[in-house]
Amino acid sequence: MPNWIEKHSDTLITIATIIVAFAALVTIVDQRLDAQDELISQRFDAQDRHINQRFDAVDQRFDAMDKRIDRLTEEVSELRRLTVSISERVSRNEGQIDVIREQIQAADTPSP
């Protein structure tokens, strides 16, 4: 057996060197892939943050618009209430004016 090892030592050293070189190559490629994966992850995270910021800004705008619409709705309701109140007062005033006219006509009419 020792004779066989001596006889094939160059071949065994070559095979061992190839195995070590292959392992080193796999390690280097794995490290490069990990670095690229990390870079891609960082880019996706940055893009996610940017998109989230944009959506947050849009949400804030919608919230502001909702508040403004709510306020305007309340103001329109108040205007409607005031308009109805004014219409009721005008109707009452017209009724009172009609009564006063009737009283004036009655006073102007000579009694028989």
Protein backbone atom coordinates (compact mmCIF):
# COMPACT_ATOMS: atom_id res chain seq x y z
CA MET A 1 0.00 0.00 0.00
CA PRO A 2 2.76 2.54 0.78
CA ASN A 3 4.17 1.75 -2.63
CA TRP A 4 0.83 2.54 -4.28
CA ILE A 5 0.68 5.92 -2.50
CA GLU A 6 4.19 6.79 -3.62
CA LYS A 7 3.39 5.72 -7.14
CA HIS A 8 0.20 7.83 -7.38
CA SER A 9 1.20 10.73 -5.11
CA ASP A 10 1.32 13.24 -7.96
CA THR A 11 -2.18 12.21 -9.04
CA LEU A 12 -3.47 12.35 -5.46
CA ILE A 13 -1.93 15.79 -4.94
CA THR A 14 -3.50 16.99 -8.20
CA ILE A 15 -6.91 15.62 -7.17
CA ALA A 16 -6.58 17.18 -3.70
CA THR A 17 -5.57 20.51 -5.26
CA ILE A 18 -8.55 20.40 -7.60
CA ILE A 19 -10.88 19.63 -4.68
CA VAL A 20 -9.44 22.49 -2.58
CA ALA A 21 -9.59 24.87 -5.55
CA PHE A 22 -13.19 23.84 -6.24
CA ALA A 23 -14.09 24.39 -2.57
CA ALA A 24 -12.40 27.82 -2.64
CA LEU A 25 -14.22 28.70 -5.86
CA VAL A 26 -17.56 27.63 -4.37
CA THR A 27 -16.83 29.73 -1.27
CA ILE A 28 -15.91 32.80 -3.36
CA VAL A 29 -18.98 32.43 -5.59
CA ASP A 30 -21.17 31.95 -2.50
CA GLN A 31 -19.75 35.11 -0.92
CA ARG A 32 -20.34 37.08 -4.13
CA LEU A 33 -23.90 35.77 -4.35
CA ASP A 34 -24.48 36.69 -0.71
CA ALA A 35 -23.11 40.20 -1.38
CA GLN A 36 -25.33 40.59 -4.44
CA ASP A 37 -28.32 39.27 -2.47
CA GLU A 38 -27.60 41.79 0.29
CA LEU A 39 -27.33 44.61 -2.24
CA ILE A 40 -30.59 43.60 -3.91
CA SER A 41 -32.27 43.37 -0.51
CA GLN A 42 -31.03 46.85 0.38
CA ARG A 43 -32.35 48.23 -2.90
CA PHE A 44 -35.74 46.58 -2.40
CA ASP A 45 -35.89 47.87 1.18
CA ALA A 46 -35.07 51.39 -0.01
CA GLN A 47 -37.71 51.12 -2.73
CA ASP A 48 -40.25 49.84 -0.19
CA ARG A 49 -39.49 52.76 2.12
CA HIS A 50 -39.85 55.20 -0.77
CA ILE A 51 -43.16 53.67 -1.87
CA ASN A 52 -44.44 53.65 1.72
CA GLN A 53 -43.52 57.32 2.10
CA ARG A 54 -45.41 58.14 -1.09
CA PHE A 55 -48.47 56.18 0.06
CA ASP A 56 -48.29 57.88 3.47
CA ALA A 57 -48.19 61.27 1.78
CA VAL A 58 -51.21 60.37 -0.35
CA ASP A 59 -53.04 59.07 2.73
CA GLN A 60 -52.34 62.35 4.53
CA ARG A 61 -53.72 64.27 1.57
CA PHE A 62 -56.86 62.13 1.55
CA ASP A 63 -57.26 62.60 5.30
CA ALA A 64 -56.94 66.37 4.90
CA MET A 65 -59.47 66.33 2.07
CA ASP A 66 -61.86 64.19 4.15
CA LYS A 67 -61.64 66.68 7.01
CA ARG A 68 -62.23 69.58 4.63
CA ILE A 69 -65.21 67.82 3.02
CA ASP A 70 -66.65 67.07 6.47
CA ARG A 71 -66.29 70.73 7.45
CA LEU A 72 -67.88 71.90 4.20
CA THR A 73 -70.72 69.42 4.67
CA GLU A 74 -71.37 70.83 8.13
CA GLU A 75 -71.30 74.38 6.76
CA VAL A 76 -73.73 73.47 3.96
CA SER A 77 -76.05 71.88 6.51
CA GLU A 78 -75.90 75.06 8.59
CA LEU A 79 -76.66 77.16 5.50
CA ARG A 80 -79.65 74.95 4.70
CA ARG A 81 -80.94 75.32 8.25
CA LEU A 82 -80.53 79.11 8.06
CA THR A 83 -82.24 79.23 4.65
CA VAL A 84 -85.21 77.24 5.96
CA SER A 85 -85.37 79.50 9.00
CA ILE A 86 -85.34 82.61 6.81
CA SER A 87 -88.05 81.16 4.55
CA GLU A 88 -90.22 80.42 7.57
CA ARG A 89 -89.75 83.96 8.90
CA VAL A 90 -90.55 85.48 5.50
CA SER A 91 -93.74 83.37 5.34
CA ARG A 92 -94.76 84.52 8.83
CA ASN A 93 -93.99 88.14 7.93
CA GLU A 94 -96.04 87.86 4.75
CA GLY A 95 -98.93 86.44 6.77
CA GLN A 96 -98.67 89.31 9.24
CA ILE A 97 -98.53 91.82 6.37
CA ASP A 98 -101.71 90.29 4.90
CA VAL A 99 -103.45 90.61 8.27
CA ILE A 100 -102.32 94.26 8.59
CA ARG A 101 -103.58 95.00 5.03
CA GLU A 102 -106.93 93.47 5.85
CA GLN A 103 -107.11 95.58 9.01
CA ILE A 104 -106.19 98.74 7.08
CA GLN A 105 -108.78 98.00 4.39
CA ALA A 106 -111.38 97.39 7.06
CA ALA A 107 -110.48 100.69 8.73
CA ASP A 108 -110.62 102.58 5.42
CA THR A 109 -113.97 101.16 4.46
CA PRO A 110 -116.86 103.38 5.55
CA SER A 111 -119.22 101.70 7.93
CA PRO A 112 -122.81 101.34 6.76
